[in-house]
C-alpha atoms as a PDB file:
ATOM      1  CA  UNK A   1     104.285  91.729  75.661  1.00  0.00           C
ATOM      2  CA  UNK A   2     106.462  93.050  72.811  1.00  0.00           C
ATOM      3  CA  UNK A   3     103.249  94.492  71.378  1.00  0.00           C
ATOM      4  CA  UNK A   4     102.906  96.847  74.366  1.00  0.00           C
ATOM      5  CA  UNK A   5     106.412  98.167  73.792  1.00  0.00           C
ATOM      6  CA  UNK A   6     105.680  98.694  70.085  1.00  0.00           C
ATOM      7  CA  UNK A   7     102.457 100.527  70.936  1.00  0.00           C
ATOM      8  CA  UNK A   8     104.153 102.855  73.412  1.00  0.00           C
ATOM      9  CA  UNK A   9     106.963 103.481  70.913  1.00  0.00           C
ATOM     10  CA  UNK A  10     104.409 104.432  68.246  1.00  0.00           C
ATOM     11  CA  UNK A  11     102.596 106.698  70.717  1.00  0.00           C
ATOM     12  CA  UNK A  12     105.826 108.462  71.629  1.00  0.00           C
ATOM     13  CA  UNK A  13     106.712 108.863  67.945  1.00  0.00           C
ATOM     14  CA  UNK A  14     103.349 110.384  67.077  1.00  0.00           C
ATOM     15  CA  UNK A  15     103.647 112.604  70.156  1.00  0.00           C
ATOM     16  CA  UNK A  16     106.994 113.898  68.876  1.00  0.00           C
ATOM     17  CA  UNK A  17     105.501 114.556  65.434  1.00  0.00           C
ATOM     18  CA  UNK A  18     102.529 116.404  66.908  1.00  0.00           C
ATOM     19  CA  UNK A  19     104.804 118.394  69.194  1.00  0.00           C
ATOM     20  CA  UNK A  20     107.131 119.453  66.380  1.00  0.00           C
ATOM     21  CA  UNK A  21     104.162 120.402  64.185  1.00  0.00           C
ATOM     22  CA  UNK A  22     102.345 122.507  66.785  1.00  0.00           C
ATOM     23  CA  UNK A  23     105.127 123.708  69.074  1.00  0.00           C
ATOM     24  CA  UNK A  24     104.660 127.279  67.818  1.00  0.00           C
ATOM     25  CA  UNK A  25     101.395 128.084  69.586  1.00  0.00           C
ATOM     26  CA  UNK A  26     100.754 128.415  73.295  1.00  0.00           C
ATOM     27  CA  UNK A  27      97.486 126.450  73.084  1.00  0.00           C
ATOM     28  CA  UNK A  28      99.320 123.563  71.433  1.00  0.00           C
ATOM     29  CA  UNK A  29     101.928 123.604  74.209  1.00  0.00           C
ATOM     30  CA  UNK A  30      99.176 123.241  76.816  1.00  0.00           C
ATOM     31  CA  UNK A  31      97.598 120.469  74.723  1.00  0.00           C
ATOM     32  CA  UNK A  32     100.978 118.735  74.470  1.00  0.00           C
ATOM     33  CA  UNK A  33     101.371 118.881  78.234  1.00  0.00           C
ATOM     34  CA  UNK A  34      97.989 117.158  78.577  1.00  0.00           C
ATOM     35  CA  UNK A  35      99.091 114.460  76.120  1.00  0.00           C
ATOM     36  CA  UNK A  36     102.366 113.957  77.991  1.00  0.00           C
ATOM     37  CA  UNK A  37     100.426 113.674  81.256  1.00  0.00           C
ATOM     38  CA  UNK A  38      98.144 111.047  79.698  1.00  0.00           C
ATOM     39  CA  UNK A  39     101.176 109.210  78.276  1.00  0.00           C
ATOM     40  CA  UNK A  40     102.640 109.090  81.779  1.00  0.00           C
ATOM     41  CA  UNK A  41      99.426 107.494  83.063  1.00  0.00           C
ATOM     42  CA  UNK A  42      99.411 104.968  80.212  1.00  0.00           C
ATOM     43  CA  UNK A  43     103.046 104.030  80.782  1.00  0.00           C
ATOM     44  CA  UNK A  44     102.448 103.725  84.526  1.00  0.00           C
ATOM     45  CA  UNK A  45      99.463 101.426  83.979  1.00  0.00           C
ATOM     46  CA  UNK A  46     101.509  99.415  81.461  1.00  0.00           C
ATOM     47  CA  UNK A  47     104.330  99.054  83.974  1.00  0.00           C
ATOM     48  CA  UNK A  48     101.873  97.872  86.638  1.00  0.00           C
ATOM     49  CA  UNK A  49     100.248  95.339  84.312  1.00  0.00           C
ATOM     50  CA  UNK A  50     103.569  94.204  82.843  1.00  0.00           C
ATOM     51  CA  UNK A  51     106.382  94.453  85.422  1.00  0.00           C
ATOM     52  CA  UNK A  52     109.840  93.903  83.962  1.00  0.00           C
END
């Protein structure tokens, strides 16, 4: 189950990198919001599969 935490940490890190790279354009901001929304779904599913 530590693997899931590592995966979500890597996803969040790459999300931060992408956000900082593309935060200048409006289209990228919308894209980032989509990614954040998807990340929320992934984390929710992870929490359901792997309750603390």
